Amino acid sequence: MVTTVPVTSGNPAHRSAAIALTVVLDLAAPIIVFYGLRWAGAAVFVALIAGATTPTLSMLVKLTKDRRVDALAVAVLGVLLLSAGVSLIDGSPQSWQPRTVG
């Protein structure tokens, strides 16, 4: 079975703008929100959940508009939610990350 990727436009500038918007909404915005809230004194869990709002909204918009799921938004959202869950249990979102021995 062969699947094709839907192309929104043949214009390379339009595709570049769409990719840039995806990177900003799904990668940069969660980082800015997280560190902004942490700088302001918010708890780790609150900052992680707030940071997850932009990839969630981006994913929902693309799901309803294009009928497809944005893989980058899902990946970022998964990492943020996993970190939030671990921070509730352990108090630190870094405890699930592998540590170096030595």
C-alpha atoms as a PDB file:
ATOM      1  CA  MET A   1       0.000   0.000   0.000  1.00  0.00           C
ATOM      2  CA  VAL A   2       1.409   3.352  -1.015  1.00  0.00           C
ATOM      3  CA  THR A   3       0.558   6.475   0.940  1.00  0.00           C
ATOM      4  CA  THR A   4       1.168  10.011  -0.159  1.00  0.00           C
ATOM      5  CA  VAL A   5       1.903  13.031   1.947  1.00  0.00           C
ATOM      6  CA  PRO A   6      -0.639  15.804   1.367  1.00  0.00           C
ATOM      7  CA  VAL A   7       0.984  18.914  -0.006  1.00  0.00           C
ATOM      8  CA  THR A   8      -0.714  22.103   1.086  1.00  0.00           C
ATOM      9  CA  SER A   9       0.826  24.229  -1.611  1.00  0.00           C
ATOM     10  CA  GLY A  10       3.369  23.951  -4.387  1.00  0.00           C
ATOM     11  CA  ASN A  11       4.923  27.222  -3.284  1.00  0.00           C
ATOM     12  CA  PRO A  12       8.236  26.531  -1.467  1.00  0.00           C
ATOM     13  CA  ALA A  13       7.945  29.781   0.484  1.00  0.00           C
ATOM     14  CA  HIS A  14       4.560  28.693   1.833  1.00  0.00           C
ATOM     15  CA  ARG A  15       5.953  25.314   2.891  1.00  0.00           C
ATOM     16  CA  SER A  16       8.943  26.973   4.568  1.00  0.00           C
ATOM     17  CA  ALA A  17       6.647  29.310   6.483  1.00  0.00           C
ATOM     18  CA  ALA A  18       4.479  26.371   7.586  1.00  0.00           C
ATOM     19  CA  ILE A  19       7.534  24.453   8.799  1.00  0.00           C
ATOM     20  CA  ALA A  20       8.841  27.508  10.657  1.00  0.00           C
ATOM     21  CA  LEU A  21       5.471  28.015  12.338  1.00  0.00           C
ATOM     22  CA  THR A  22       5.404  24.363  13.382  1.00  0.00           C
ATOM     23  CA  VAL A  23       8.883  24.600  14.893  1.00  0.00           C
ATOM     24  CA  VAL A  24       7.984  27.789  16.770  1.00  0.00           C
ATOM     25  CA  LEU A  25       4.684  26.455  18.125  1.00  0.00           C
ATOM     26  CA  ASP A  26       5.804  22.914  18.870  1.00  0.00           C
ATOM     27  CA  LEU A  27       9.394  23.438  20.047  1.00  0.00           C
ATOM     28  CA  ALA A  28      10.220  27.035  20.925  1.00  0.00           C
ATOM     29  CA  ALA A  29       6.956  28.058  22.613  1.00  0.00           C
ATOM     30  CA  PRO A  30       6.928  25.205  25.184  1.00  0.00           C
ATOM     31  CA  ILE A  31      10.538  25.952  26.130  1.00  0.00           C
ATOM     32  CA  ILE A  32       9.867  29.689  26.469  1.00  0.00           C
ATOM     33  CA  VAL A  33       6.707  29.094  28.524  1.00  0.00           C
ATOM     34  CA  PHE A  34       8.423  26.547  30.790  1.00  0.00           C
ATOM     35  CA  TYR A  35      11.483  28.638  31.557  1.00  0.00           C
ATOM     36  CA  GLY A  36       9.459  31.837  31.793  1.00  0.00           C
ATOM     37  CA  LEU A  37       7.185  30.318  34.407  1.00  0.00           C
ATOM     38  CA  ARG A  38      10.090  28.730  36.278  1.00  0.00           C
ATOM     39  CA  TRP A  39      11.857  32.108  36.306  1.00  0.00           C
ATOM     40  CA  ALA A  40       8.675  33.647  37.697  1.00  0.00           C
ATOM     41  CA  GLY A  41       8.667  31.082  40.509  1.00  0.00           C
ATOM     42  CA  ALA A  42       6.083  28.573  39.288  1.00  0.00           C
ATOM     43  CA  ALA A  43       6.324  24.932  40.302  1.00  0.00           C
ATOM     44  CA  VAL A  44       7.884  22.468  37.869  1.00  0.00           C
ATOM     45  CA  PHE A  45       4.599  20.620  37.315  1.00  0.00           C
ATOM     46  CA  VAL A  46       2.676  23.820  36.576  1.00  0.00           C
ATOM     47  CA  ALA A  47       5.360  25.039  34.169  1.00  0.00           C
ATOM     48  CA  LEU A  48       5.422  21.693  32.326  1.00  0.00           C
ATOM     49  CA  ILE A  49       1.640  21.561  31.953  1.00  0.00           C
ATOM     50  CA  ALA A  50       1.521  25.188  30.796  1.00  0.00           C
ATOM     51  CA  GLY A  51       4.293  24.463  28.295  1.00  0.00           C
ATOM     52  CA  ALA A  52       2.232  21.590  26.913  1.00  0.00           C
ATOM     53  CA  THR A  53      -0.612  23.895  25.892  1.00  0.00           C
ATOM     54  CA  THR A  54       0.911  25.162  22.635  1.00  0.00           C
ATOM     55  CA  PRO A  55       1.727  21.748  21.147  1.00  0.00           C
ATOM     56  CA  THR A  56      -1.696  20.527  22.264  1.00  0.00           C
ATOM     57  CA  LEU A  57      -3.485  23.409  20.574  1.00  0.00           C
ATOM     58  CA  SER A  58      -1.310  23.055  17.478  1.00  0.00           C
ATOM     59  CA  MET A  59      -2.075  19.349  17.288  1.00  0.00           C
ATOM     60  CA  LEU A  60      -5.815  19.889  17.720  1.00  0.00           C
ATOM     61  CA  VAL A  61      -5.913  22.590  15.034  1.00  0.00           C
ATOM     62  CA  LYS A  62      -4.042  20.392  12.558  1.00  0.00           C
ATOM     63  CA  LEU A  63      -6.200  17.415  13.443  1.00  0.00           C
ATOM     64  CA  THR A  64      -9.438  19.274  12.796  1.00  0.00           C
ATOM     65  CA  LYS A  65      -8.183  21.271   9.812  1.00  0.00           C
ATOM     66  CA  ASP A  66      -6.027  18.742   7.924  1.00  0.00           C
ATOM     67  CA  ARG A  67      -7.331  15.487   9.422  1.00  0.00           C
ATOM     68  CA  ARG A  68      -3.791  14.429  10.327  1.00  0.00           C
ATOM     69  CA  VAL A  69      -1.703  14.330  13.472  1.00  0.00           C
ATOM     70  CA  ASP A  70       1.472  16.382  13.743  1.00  0.00           C
ATOM     71  CA  ALA A  71       4.235  13.995  14.834  1.00  0.00           C
ATOM     72  CA  LEU A  72       6.440  16.734  16.285  1.00  0.00           C
ATOM     73  CA  ALA A  73       3.623  18.059  18.469  1.00  0.00           C
ATOM     74  CA  VAL A  74       2.842  14.545  19.690  1.00  0.00           C
ATOM     75  CA  ALA A  75       6.499  13.870  20.525  1.00  0.00           C
ATOM     76  CA  VAL A  76       6.967  17.146  22.418  1.00  0.00           C
ATOM     77  CA  LEU A  77       3.639  16.702  24.197  1.00  0.00           C
ATOM     78  CA  GLY A  78       4.573  13.155  25.196  1.00  0.00           C
ATOM     79  CA  VAL A  79       7.891  14.231  26.693  1.00  0.00           C
ATOM     80  CA  LEU A  80       6.293  17.142  28.556  1.00  0.00           C
ATOM     81  CA  LEU A  81       3.494  14.995  29.986  1.00  0.00           C
ATOM     82  CA  LEU A  82       5.924  12.223  30.965  1.00  0.00           C
ATOM     83  CA  SER A  83       8.115  14.798  32.706  1.00  0.00           C
ATOM     84  CA  ALA A  84       5.079  16.285  34.460  1.00  0.00           C
ATOM     85  CA  GLY A  85       4.027  12.847  35.694  1.00  0.00           C
ATOM     86  CA  VAL A  86       7.488  12.055  36.984  1.00  0.00           C
ATOM     87  CA  SER A  87       7.755  15.458  38.645  1.00  0.00           C
ATOM     88  CA  LEU A  88       4.561  14.693  40.573  1.00  0.00           C
ATOM     89  CA  ILE A  89       5.995  11.412  41.822  1.00  0.00           C
ATOM     90  CA  ASP A  90       9.600  12.387  42.420  1.00  0.00           C
ATOM     91  CA  GLY A  91       9.553  16.184  42.536  1.00  0.00           C
ATOM     92  CA  SER A  92      12.010  16.444  39.632  1.00  0.00           C
ATOM     93  CA  PRO A  93      11.289  15.931  35.933  1.00  0.00           C
ATOM     94  CA  GLN A  94      14.904  14.844  35.401  1.00  0.00           C
ATOM     95  CA  SER A  95      14.696  11.644  37.450  1.00  0.00           C
ATOM     96  CA  TRP A  96      13.514   9.545  34.481  1.00  0.00           C
ATOM     97  CA  GLN A  97      16.480  10.563  32.341  1.00  0.00           C
ATOM     98  CA  PRO A  98      19.455   8.203  32.204  1.00  0.00           C
ATOM     99  CA  ARG A  99      22.352   9.136  34.439  1.00  0.00           C
ATOM    100  CA  THR A 100      26.017   8.689  33.716  1.00  0.00           C
ATOM    101  CA  VAL A 101      27.907   6.339  35.963  1.00  0.00           C
ATOM    102  CA  GLY A 102      31.235   7.378  37.320  1.00  0.00           C
END
